[in-house]
PDB file of N, CA and C in Angstrom:
ATOM      1  N   UNK A   1      -3.415  16.119 -18.304  1.00  0.00           N
ATOM      2  CA  UNK A   1      -3.170  17.162 -17.508  1.00  0.00           C
ATOM      3  C   UNK A   1      -2.652  16.450 -16.203  1.00  0.00           C
ATOM      4  N   UNK A   2      -1.519  17.073 -15.779  1.00  0.00           N
ATOM      5  CA  UNK A   2      -0.699  16.676 -14.613  1.00  0.00           C
ATOM      6  C   UNK A   2      -1.421  17.077 -13.351  1.00  0.00           C
ATOM      7  N   UNK A   3      -1.655  16.114 -12.525  1.00  0.00           N
ATOM      8  CA  UNK A   3      -2.121  16.677 -11.126  1.00  0.00           C
ATOM      9  C   UNK A   3      -0.875  16.752 -10.048  1.00  0.00           C
ATOM     10  N   UNK A   4      -1.177  17.802  -9.125  1.00  0.00           N
ATOM     11  CA  UNK A   4      -0.366  18.285  -8.273  1.00  0.00           C
ATOM     12  C   UNK A   4      -0.293  17.133  -7.037  1.00  0.00           C
ATOM     13  N   UNK A   5       0.720  17.098  -6.286  1.00  0.00           N
ATOM     14  CA  UNK A   5       0.601  16.104  -5.091  1.00  0.00           C
ATOM     15  C   UNK A   5      -0.426  16.052  -4.327  1.00  0.00           C
ATOM     16  N   UNK A   6      -1.298  17.149  -4.050  1.00  0.00           N
ATOM     17  CA  UNK A   6      -2.441  17.406  -3.257  1.00  0.00           C
ATOM     18  C   UNK A   6      -3.549  16.864  -3.907  1.00  0.00           C
ATOM     19  N   UNK A   7      -3.432  16.730  -5.290  1.00  0.00           N
ATOM     20  CA  UNK A   7      -4.467  16.108  -6.051  1.00  0.00           C
ATOM     21  C   UNK A   7      -4.542  14.836  -6.215  1.00  0.00           C
ATOM     22  N   UNK A   8      -3.310  14.204  -6.132  1.00  0.00           N
ATOM     23  CA  UNK A   8      -3.183  12.715  -6.279  1.00  0.00           C
ATOM     24  C   UNK A   8      -3.371  12.084  -4.867  1.00  0.00           C
ATOM     25  N   UNK A   9      -4.874  11.800  -4.941  1.00  0.00           N
ATOM     26  CA  UNK A   9      -5.332  11.168  -3.593  1.00  0.00           C
ATOM     27  C   UNK A   9      -5.771   9.809  -3.551  1.00  0.00           C
ATOM     28  N   UNK A  10      -5.804   9.197  -2.371  1.00  0.00           N
ATOM     29  CA  UNK A  10      -6.300   7.915  -2.261  1.00  0.00           C
ATOM     30  C   UNK A  10      -7.736   8.051  -1.523  1.00  0.00           C
ATOM     31  N   UNK A  11      -8.711   7.350  -1.987  1.00  0.00           N
ATOM     32  CA  UNK A  11      -9.965   7.212  -1.182  1.00  0.00           C
ATOM     33  C   UNK A  11     -10.372   5.808  -0.947  1.00  0.00           C
ATOM     34  N   UNK A  12     -10.753   5.364   0.214  1.00  0.00           N
ATOM     35  CA  UNK A  12     -11.255   4.105   0.627  1.00  0.00           C
ATOM     36  C   UNK A  12     -12.635   4.353   1.116  1.00  0.00           C
ATOM     37  N   UNK A  13     -13.578   3.608   0.377  1.00  0.00           N
ATOM     38  CA  UNK A  13     -15.155   3.662   0.753  1.00  0.00           C
ATOM     39  C   UNK A  13     -15.575   2.298   0.884  1.00  0.00           C
ATOM     40  N   UNK A  14     -16.272   2.069   1.966  1.00  0.00           N
ATOM     41  CA  UNK A  14     -17.062   1.106   2.401  1.00  0.00           C
ATOM     42  C   UNK A  14     -18.286   1.329   3.243  1.00  0.00           C
ATOM     43  N   UNK A  15     -19.187   0.435   3.396  1.00  0.00           N
ATOM     44  CA  UNK A  15     -20.261   0.620   4.312  1.00  0.00           C
ATOM     45  C   UNK A  15     -20.290  -0.508   5.391  1.00  0.00           C
ATOM     46  N   UNK A  16     -20.831  -0.327   6.515  1.00  0.00           N
ATOM     47  CA  UNK A  16     -21.001  -1.315   7.609  1.00  0.00           C
ATOM     48  C   UNK A  16     -21.623  -2.621   6.856  1.00  0.00           C
ATOM     49  N   UNK A  17     -22.565  -2.339   6.062  1.00  0.00           N
ATOM     50  CA  UNK A  17     -23.202  -3.508   5.361  1.00  0.00           C
ATOM     51  C   UNK A  17     -22.373  -4.391   4.496  1.00  0.00           C
ATOM     52  N   UNK A  18     -21.296  -3.918   4.049  1.00  0.00           N
ATOM     53  CA  UNK A  18     -20.598  -4.372   2.855  1.00  0.00           C
ATOM     54  C   UNK A  18     -19.365  -5.342   3.610  1.00  0.00           C
ATOM     55  N   UNK A  19     -19.059  -6.243   3.006  1.00  0.00           N
ATOM     56  CA  UNK A  19     -17.726  -7.061   3.255  1.00  0.00           C
ATOM     57  C   UNK A  19     -16.588  -6.455   2.229  1.00  0.00           C
ATOM     58  N   UNK A  20     -16.813  -5.600   1.464  1.00  0.00           N
ATOM     59  CA  UNK A  20     -15.751  -5.333   0.434  1.00  0.00           C
ATOM     60  C   UNK A  20     -15.612  -3.706   0.505  1.00  0.00           C
ATOM     61  N   UNK A  21     -14.381  -3.315   0.036  1.00  0.00           N
ATOM     62  CA  UNK A  21     -14.259  -1.722   0.015  1.00  0.00           C
ATOM     63  C   UNK A  21     -13.672  -1.456  -1.366  1.00  0.00           C
ATOM     64  N   UNK A  22     -13.837  -0.273  -1.557  1.00  0.00           N
ATOM     65  CA  UNK A  22     -13.448   0.226  -2.890  1.00  0.00           C
ATOM     66  C   UNK A  22     -12.376   1.121  -2.549  1.00  0.00           C
ATOM     67  N   UNK A  23     -11.174   0.932  -3.210  1.00  0.00           N
ATOM     68  CA  UNK A  23      -9.950   1.849  -3.104  1.00  0.00           C
ATOM     69  C   UNK A  23      -9.661   2.461  -4.499  1.00  0.00           C
ATOM     70  N   UNK A  24      -9.743   3.643  -4.417  1.00  0.00           N
ATOM     71  CA  UNK A  24      -9.230   4.563  -5.540  1.00  0.00           C
ATOM     72  C   UNK A  24      -8.055   5.448  -5.327  1.00  0.00           C
ATOM     73  N   UNK A  25      -7.034   5.246  -6.044  1.00  0.00           N
ATOM     74  CA  UNK A  25      -5.897   5.895  -5.702  1.00  0.00           C
ATOM     75  C   UNK A  25      -5.044   6.450  -6.877  1.00  0.00           C
ATOM     76  N   UNK A  26      -4.164   7.462  -6.750  1.00  0.00           N
ATOM     77  CA  UNK A  26      -3.210   7.787  -7.590  1.00  0.00           C
ATOM     78  C   UNK A  26      -1.645   7.472  -7.223  1.00  0.00           C
ATOM     79  N   UNK A  27      -1.675   6.878  -6.043  1.00  0.00           N
ATOM     80  CA  UNK A  27      -0.268   6.508  -5.423  1.00  0.00           C
ATOM     81  C   UNK A  27       0.293   5.314  -6.025  1.00  0.00           C
ATOM     82  N   UNK A  28       1.435   5.484  -6.807  1.00  0.00           N
ATOM     83  CA  UNK A  28       2.080   4.490  -7.334  1.00  0.00           C
ATOM     84  C   UNK A  28       2.406   3.243  -6.729  1.00  0.00           C
ATOM     85  N   UNK A  29       2.964   3.455  -5.503  1.00  0.00           N
ATOM     86  CA  UNK A  29       3.189   2.242  -4.627  1.00  0.00           C
ATOM     87  C   UNK A  29       2.133   1.551  -4.182  1.00  0.00           C
ATOM     88  N   UNK A  30       0.856   2.082  -3.872  1.00  0.00           N
ATOM     89  CA  UNK A  30      -0.168   1.333  -3.632  1.00  0.00           C
ATOM     90  C   UNK A  30      -0.742   0.875  -4.800  1.00  0.00           C
ATOM     91  N   UNK A  31      -0.824   1.538  -5.871  1.00  0.00           N
ATOM     92  CA  UNK A  31      -1.202   0.940  -7.112  1.00  0.00           C
ATOM     93  C   UNK A  31      -0.539  -0.369  -7.388  1.00  0.00           C
ATOM     94  N   UNK A  32       0.784  -0.393  -7.350  1.00  0.00           N
ATOM     95  CA  UNK A  32       1.532  -1.619  -7.758  1.00  0.00           C
ATOM     96  C   UNK A  32       1.321  -2.715  -6.753  1.00  0.00           C
ATOM     97  N   UNK A  33       1.203  -2.165  -5.432  1.00  0.00           N
ATOM     98  CA  UNK A  33       0.940  -3.284  -4.547  1.00  0.00           C
ATOM     99  C   UNK A  33      -0.529  -3.930  -4.801  1.00  0.00           C
ATOM    100  N   UNK A  34      -1.408  -3.344  -5.125  1.00  0.00           N
ATOM    101  CA  UNK A  34      -2.954  -3.758  -5.373  1.00  0.00           C
ATOM    102  C   UNK A  34      -2.856  -4.653  -6.711  1.00  0.00           C
ATOM    103  N   UNK A  35      -2.029  -4.228  -7.616  1.00  0.00           N
ATOM    104  CA  UNK A  35      -1.994  -4.978  -8.913  1.00  0.00           C
ATOM    105  C   UNK A  35      -1.333  -6.328  -8.588  1.00  0.00           C
ATOM    106  N   UNK A  36      -0.213  -6.382  -7.728  1.00  0.00           N
ATOM    107  CA  UNK A  36       0.529  -7.744  -7.396  1.00  0.00           C
ATOM    108  C   UNK A  36      -0.446  -8.574  -6.592  1.00  0.00           C
ATOM    109  N   UNK A  37      -1.270  -7.883  -5.737  1.00  0.00           N
ATOM    110  CA  UNK A  37      -2.291  -8.676  -4.812  1.00  0.00           C
ATOM    111  C   UNK A  37      -3.384  -9.321  -5.663  1.00  0.00           C
ATOM    112  N   UNK A  38      -3.804  -8.518  -6.717  1.00  0.00           N
ATOM    113  CA  UNK A  38      -4.831  -8.948  -7.569  1.00  0.00           C
ATOM    114  C   UNK A  38      -4.361 -10.047  -8.508  1.00  0.00           C
ATOM    115  N   UNK A  39      -3.041 -10.180  -8.764  1.00  0.00           N
ATOM    116  CA  UNK A  39      -2.656 -11.332  -9.556  1.00  0.00           C
ATOM    117  C   UNK A  39      -2.643 -12.573  -8.754  1.00  0.00           C
ATOM    118  N   UNK A  40      -2.333 -12.357  -7.339  1.00  0.00           N
ATOM    119  CA  UNK A  40      -2.076 -13.306  -6.331  1.00  0.00           C
ATOM    120  C   UNK A  40      -3.399 -13.990  -5.861  1.00  0.00           C
ATOM    121  N   UNK A  41      -4.370 -13.101  -5.851  1.00  0.00           N
ATOM    122  CA  UNK A  41      -5.660 -13.229  -5.220  1.00  0.00           C
ATOM    123  C   UNK A  41      -6.775 -12.675  -5.920  1.00  0.00           C
ATOM    124  N   UNK A  42      -6.848 -13.110  -7.274  1.00  0.00           N
ATOM    125  CA  UNK A  42      -7.853 -12.640  -8.195  1.00  0.00           C
ATOM    126  C   UNK A  42      -9.321 -12.711  -7.887  1.00  0.00           C
ATOM    127  N   UNK A  43      -9.659 -13.687  -7.066  1.00  0.00           N
ATOM    128  CA  UNK A  43     -11.106 -13.811  -6.659  1.00  0.00           C
ATOM    129  C   UNK A  43     -11.384 -12.836  -5.465  1.00  0.00           C
ATOM    130  N   UNK A  44     -10.413 -12.238  -4.877  1.00  0.00           N
ATOM    131  CA  UNK A  44     -10.588 -11.361  -3.707  1.00  0.00           C
ATOM    132  C   UNK A  44     -10.503  -9.877  -4.003  1.00  0.00           C
ATOM    133  N   UNK A  45      -9.274  -9.627  -4.923  1.00  0.00           N
ATOM    134  CA  UNK A  45      -9.001  -8.296  -5.115  1.00  0.00           C
ATOM    135  C   UNK A  45      -8.781  -8.084  -6.731  1.00  0.00           C
ATOM    136  N   UNK A  46      -9.676  -7.017  -7.057  1.00  0.00           N
ATOM    137  CA  UNK A  46      -9.661  -7.092  -8.592  1.00  0.00           C
ATOM    138  C   UNK A  46     -10.104  -5.568  -8.933  1.00  0.00           C
ATOM    139  N   UNK A  47      -9.667  -5.167 -10.226  1.00  0.00           N
ATOM    140  CA  UNK A  47      -9.686  -3.697 -10.616  1.00  0.00           C
ATOM    141  C   UNK A  47     -11.214  -3.569 -10.850  1.00  0.00           C
ATOM    142  N   UNK A  48     -11.467  -2.403 -10.379  1.00  0.00           N
ATOM    143  CA  UNK A  48     -13.138  -2.068 -10.409  1.00  0.00           C
ATOM    144  C   UNK A  48     -13.466  -1.613 -11.732  1.00  0.00           C
ATOM    145  N   UNK A  49     -12.842  -0.446 -12.052  1.00  0.00           N
ATOM    146  CA  UNK A  49     -13.327   0.435 -13.348  1.00  0.00           C
ATOM    147  C   UNK A  49     -12.279   1.302 -13.821  1.00  0.00           C
ATOM    148  N   UNK A  50     -12.293   1.658 -14.907  1.00  0.00           N
ATOM    149  CA  UNK A  50     -11.190   2.496 -15.417  1.00  0.00           C
ATOM    150  C   UNK A  50     -11.422   3.837 -14.837  1.00  0.00           C
ATOM    151  N   UNK A  51     -10.244   4.545 -14.630  1.00  0.00           N
ATOM    152  CA  UNK A  51     -10.309   5.787 -13.757  1.00  0.00           C
ATOM    153  C   UNK A  51      -9.386   6.959 -14.588  1.00  0.00           C
ATOM    154  N   UNK A  52      -9.304   8.173 -13.939  1.00  0.00           N
ATOM    155  CA  UNK A  52      -8.450   9.210 -14.609  1.00  0.00           C
ATOM    156  C   UNK A  52      -7.084   8.703 -14.987  1.00  0.00           C
ATOM    157  N   UNK A  53      -6.467   9.126 -15.926  1.00  0.00           N
ATOM    158  CA  UNK A  53      -5.161   8.399 -16.301  1.00  0.00           C
ATOM    159  C   UNK A  53      -4.261   8.572 -15.088  1.00  0.00           C
ATOM    160  N   UNK A  54      -3.627   7.522 -14.701  1.00  0.00           N
ATOM    161  CA  UNK A  54      -2.662   7.494 -13.573  1.00  0.00           C
ATOM    162  C   UNK A  54      -3.391   7.114 -12.370  1.00  0.00           C
ATOM    163  N   UNK A  55      -4.556   6.779 -12.270  1.00  0.00           N
ATOM    164  CA  UNK A  55      -5.367   6.290 -11.134  1.00  0.00           C
ATOM    165  C   UNK A  55      -5.781   5.055 -11.353  1.00  0.00           C
ATOM    166  N   UNK A  56      -6.001   4.349 -10.307  1.00  0.00           N
ATOM    167  CA  UNK A  56      -6.678   2.884 -10.239  1.00  0.00           C
ATOM    168  C   UNK A  56      -7.757   2.717  -9.173  1.00  0.00           C
ATOM    169  N   UNK A  57      -8.658   1.899  -9.535  1.00  0.00           N
ATOM    170  CA  UNK A  57      -9.719   1.482  -8.561  1.00  0.00           C
ATOM    171  C   UNK A  57      -9.798   0.103  -8.411  1.00  0.00           C
ATOM    172  N   UNK A  58      -9.758  -0.497  -7.466  1.00  0.00           N
ATOM    173  CA  UNK A  58      -9.629  -1.758  -6.995  1.00  0.00           C
ATOM    174  C   UNK A  58     -10.895  -2.142  -5.854  1.00  0.00           C
ATOM    175  N   UNK A  59     -11.303  -3.441  -5.882  1.00  0.00           N
ATOM    176  CA  UNK A  59     -12.237  -3.857  -4.943  1.00  0.00           C
ATOM    177  C   UNK A  59     -11.345  -4.734  -4.176  1.00  0.00           C
ATOM    178  N   UNK A  60     -11.445  -4.512  -2.670  1.00  0.00           N
ATOM    179  CA  UNK A  60     -10.743  -5.431  -1.860  1.00  0.00           C
ATOM    180  C   UNK A  60     -11.511  -5.815  -0.685  1.00  0.00           C
ATOM    181  N   UNK A  61     -11.209  -6.946  -0.131  1.00  0.00           N
ATOM    182  CA  UNK A  61     -12.010  -7.291   1.127  1.00  0.00           C
ATOM    183  C   UNK A  61     -11.818  -6.229   2.202  1.00  0.00           C
ATOM    184  N   UNK A  62     -12.846  -5.971   2.884  1.00  0.00           N
ATOM    185  CA  UNK A  62     -12.860  -4.785   4.004  1.00  0.00           C
ATOM    186  C   UNK A  62     -11.923  -5.017   5.062  1.00  0.00           C
ATOM    187  N   UNK A  63     -11.458  -6.392   5.336  1.00  0.00           N
ATOM    188  CA  UNK A  63     -10.657  -6.804   6.174  1.00  0.00           C
ATOM    189  C   UNK A  63      -9.192  -6.431   5.688  1.00  0.00           C
ATOM    190  N   UNK A  64      -8.894  -6.032   4.757  1.00  0.00           N
ATOM    191  CA  UNK A  64      -7.556  -5.518   4.321  1.00  0.00           C
ATOM    192  C   UNK A  64      -7.366  -4.106   4.656  1.00  0.00           C
ATOM    193  N   UNK A  65      -8.554  -3.384   5.080  1.00  0.00           N
ATOM    194  CA  UNK A  65      -8.402  -2.037   5.454  1.00  0.00           C
ATOM    195  C   UNK A  65      -8.243  -1.882   6.916  1.00  0.00           C
ATOM    196  N   UNK A  66      -7.163  -1.339   7.238  1.00  0.00           N
ATOM    197  CA  UNK A  66      -6.879  -1.137   8.676  1.00  0.00           C
ATOM    198  C   UNK A  66      -6.247   0.375   9.024  1.00  0.00           C
ATOM    199  N   UNK A  67      -6.517   0.731  10.324  1.00  0.00           N
ATOM    200  CA  UNK A  67      -5.841   1.687  10.726  1.00  0.00           C
ATOM    201  C   UNK A  67      -5.260   1.396  12.003  1.00  0.00           C
ATOM    202  N   UNK A  68      -3.946   1.476  12.139  1.00  0.00           N
ATOM    203  CA  UNK A  68      -3.219   1.221  13.370  1.00  0.00           C
ATOM    204  C   UNK A  68      -2.583   2.341  14.174  1.00  0.00           C
ATOM    205  N   UNK A  69      -2.356   1.896  15.430  1.00  0.00           N
ATOM    206  CA  UNK A  69      -1.598   3.010  16.160  1.00  0.00           C
ATOM    207  C   UNK A  69      -0.046   3.275  15.686  1.00  0.00           C
ATOM    208  N   UNK A  70       0.271   4.503  15.598  1.00  0.00           N
ATOM    209  CA  UNK A  70       1.840   4.700  15.111  1.00  0.00           C
ATOM    210  C   UNK A  70       2.744   4.067  16.073  1.00  0.00           C
ATOM    211  N   UNK A  71       3.782   3.670  15.478  1.00  0.00           N
ATOM    212  CA  UNK A  71       5.038   3.097  16.139  1.00  0.00           C
ATOM    213  C   UNK A  71       5.607   4.200  16.927  1.00  0.00           C
ATOM    214  N   UNK A  72       5.913   3.954  18.316  1.00  0.00           N
ATOM    215  CA  UNK A  72       6.670   5.037  18.968  1.00  0.00           C
ATOM    216  C   UNK A  72       8.156   4.828  18.470  1.00  0.00           C
ATOM    217  N   UNK A  73       8.933   6.044  18.722  1.00  0.00           N
ATOM    218  CA  UNK A  73      10.335   5.885  18.128  1.00  0.00           C
ATOM    219  C   UNK A  73      11.120   4.845  18.815  1.00  0.00           C
ATOM    220  N   UNK A  74      10.786   4.395  20.219  1.00  0.00           N
ATOM    221  CA  UNK A  74      11.579   3.394  20.865  1.00  0.00           C
ATOM    222  C   UNK A  74      11.132   2.023  19.956  1.00  0.00           C
ATOM    223  N   UNK A  75      10.056   1.829  19.810  1.00  0.00           N
ATOM    224  CA  UNK A  75       9.531   0.546  19.068  1.00  0.00           C
ATOM    225  C   UNK A  75      10.072   0.517  17.639  1.00  0.00           C
ATOM    226  N   UNK A  76      10.204   1.723  16.911  1.00  0.00           N
ATOM    227  CA  UNK A  76      10.792   1.630  15.640  1.00  0.00           C
ATOM    228  C   UNK A  76      12.334   1.372  15.790  1.00  0.00           C
ATOM    229  N   UNK A  77      12.958   1.889  16.692  1.00  0.00           N
ATOM    230  CA  UNK A  77      14.436   1.662  16.794  1.00  0.00           C
ATOM    231  C   UNK A  77      14.496   0.093  17.047  1.00  0.00           C
ATOM    232  N   UNK A  78      13.720  -0.282  17.854  1.00  0.00           N
ATOM    233  CA  UNK A  78      14.137  -1.825  18.211  1.00  0.00           C
ATOM    234  C   UNK A  78      13.787  -2.772  17.112  1.00  0.00           C
ATOM    235  N   UNK A  79      12.631  -2.343  16.245  1.00  0.00           N
ATOM    236  CA  UNK A  79      12.382  -3.112  15.014  1.00  0.00           C
ATOM    237  C   UNK A  79      13.557  -3.068  14.131  1.00  0.00           C
ATOM    238  N   UNK A  80      14.001  -1.878  13.963  1.00  0.00           N
ATOM    239  CA  UNK A  80      15.224  -1.652  13.167  1.00  0.00           C
ATOM    240  C   UNK A  80      16.386  -2.484  13.250  1.00  0.00           C
ATOM    241  N   UNK A  81      16.818  -2.498  14.769  1.00  0.00           N
ATOM    242  CA  UNK A  81      17.764  -3.338  15.188  1.00  0.00           C
ATOM    243  C   UNK A  81      17.629  -4.956  15.087  1.00  0.00           C
ATOM    244  N   UNK A  82      16.540  -5.227  15.317  1.00  0.00           N
ATOM    245  CA  UNK A  82      15.960  -6.725  15.006  1.00  0.00           C
ATOM    246  C   UNK A  82      16.267  -6.907  13.615  1.00  0.00           C
ATOM    247  N   UNK A  83      15.826  -6.141  12.741  1.00  0.00           N
ATOM    248  CA  UNK A  83      15.935  -6.394  11.165  1.00  0.00           C
ATOM    249  C   UNK A  83      17.478  -6.341  10.840  1.00  0.00           C
ATOM    250  N   UNK A  84      18.264  -5.486  11.372  1.00  0.00           N
ATOM    251  CA  UNK A  84      19.730  -5.421  11.130  1.00  0.00           C
ATOM    252  C   UNK A  84      20.487  -6.701  11.664  1.00  0.00           C
ATOM    253  N   UNK A  85      20.153  -7.122  12.676  1.00  0.00           N
ATOM    254  CA  UNK A  85      20.636  -8.265  13.240  1.00  0.00           C
ATOM    255  C   UNK A  85      20.110  -9.681  12.627  1.00  0.00           C
ATOM    256  N   UNK A  86      19.059  -9.673  11.718  1.00  0.00           N
ATOM    257  CA  UNK A  86      18.515 -10.657  11.113  1.00  0.00           C
ATOM    258  C   UNK A  86      18.972 -10.560   9.741  1.00  0.00           C
ATOM    259  N   UNK A  87      19.763  -9.262   9.264  1.00  0.00           N
ATOM    260  CA  UNK A  87      20.269  -9.309   7.894  1.00  0.00           C
ATOM    261  C   UNK A  87      19.152  -8.780   6.968  1.00  0.00           C
ATOM    262  N   UNK A  88      18.070  -8.264   7.453  1.00  0.00           N
ATOM    263  CA  UNK A  88      16.977  -7.972   6.688  1.00  0.00           C
ATOM    264  C   UNK A  88      17.197  -6.519   5.941  1.00  0.00           C
ATOM    265  N   UNK A  89      17.050  -6.342   4.620  1.00  0.00           N
ATOM    266  CA  UNK A  89      17.364  -5.313   3.928  1.00  0.00           C
ATOM    267  C   UNK A  89      16.091  -4.686   3.386  1.00  0.00           C
ATOM    268  N   UNK A  90      15.793  -3.353   3.344  1.00  0.00           N
ATOM    269  CA  UNK A  90      14.478  -2.709   2.910  1.00  0.00           C
ATOM    270  C   UNK A  90      14.488  -3.013   1.436  1.00  0.00           C
ATOM    271  N   UNK A  91      13.394  -2.948   0.895  1.00  0.00           N
ATOM    272  CA  UNK A  91      13.185  -3.226  -0.752  1.00  0.00           C
ATOM    273  C   UNK A  91      14.146  -2.016  -1.470  1.00  0.00           C
ATOM    274  N   UNK A  92      14.559  -2.339  -2.573  1.00  0.00           N
ATOM    275  CA  UNK A  92      15.397  -1.289  -3.273  1.00  0.00           C
ATOM    276  C   UNK A  92      16.624  -0.714  -2.664  1.00  0.00           C
ATOM    277  N   UNK A  93      17.068  -1.563  -1.679  1.00  0.00           N
ATOM    278  CA  UNK A  93      18.494  -1.149  -1.131  1.00  0.00           C
ATOM    279  C   UNK A  93      19.252  -2.406  -0.865  1.00  0.00           C
ATOM    280  N   UNK A  94      20.452  -2.146  -1.118  1.00  0.00           N
ATOM    281  CA  UNK A  94      21.425  -3.285  -0.899  1.00  0.00           C
ATOM    282  C   UNK A  94      22.348  -3.027   0.049  1.00  0.00           C
ATOM    283  N   UNK A  95      23.085  -4.016   0.746  1.00  0.00           N
ATOM    284  CA  UNK A  95      23.820  -3.905   1.799  1.00  0.00           C
ATOM    285  C   UNK A  95      25.008  -3.124   1.451  1.00  0.00           C
ATOM    286  N   UNK A  96      25.465  -3.177   0.167  1.00  0.00           N
ATOM    287  CA  UNK A  96      26.783  -2.343  -0.358  1.00  0.00           C
ATOM    288  C   UNK A  96      26.439  -0.931  -0.525  1.00  0.00           C
ATOM    289  N   UNK A  97      25.287  -0.721  -0.730  1.00  0.00           N
ATOM    290  CA  UNK A  97      25.036   0.928  -1.021  1.00  0.00           C
ATOM    291  C   UNK A  97      25.035   1.551   0.435  1.00  0.00           C
ATOM    292  N   UNK A  98      24.842   0.908   1.542  1.00  0.00           N
ATOM    293  CA  UNK A  98      24.859   1.604   2.747  1.00  0.00           C
ATOM    294  C   UNK A  98      26.360   1.914   3.088  1.00  0.00           C
ATOM    295  N   UNK A  99      27.065   0.839   2.768  1.00  0.00           N
ATOM    296  CA  UNK A  99      28.537   0.779   3.249  1.00  0.00           C
ATOM    297  C   UNK A  99      29.321   1.887   2.490  1.00  0.00           C
ATOM    298  N   UNK A 100      28.915   2.377   1.321  1.00  0.00           N
ATOM    299  CA  UNK A 100      29.679   3.243   0.333  1.00  0.00           C
ATOM    300  C   UNK A 100      29.647   4.783   1.009  1.00  0.00           C
TER     301      UNK A 100
END
């Protein structure tokens, strides 16, 4: 059964008493990131249990979960300019594809 975008959710659960959080997601980008991190830090980030097809569940240190203030447009533009000056290219993009 294929899920709609509204049904493909991410749920992060933790309590004040715990130092770990449970992350359940259908988000492919987040899933790949957690997979890579679990290979790099297998003692801290690991698969929790089998889930619905297309979903994953990982245990992560609670310190990995954060909510930050959104970037202002001015801050985003300044960061973009600094990256361009440093020659930093976003993932899955090449400099030649922008110039075409």
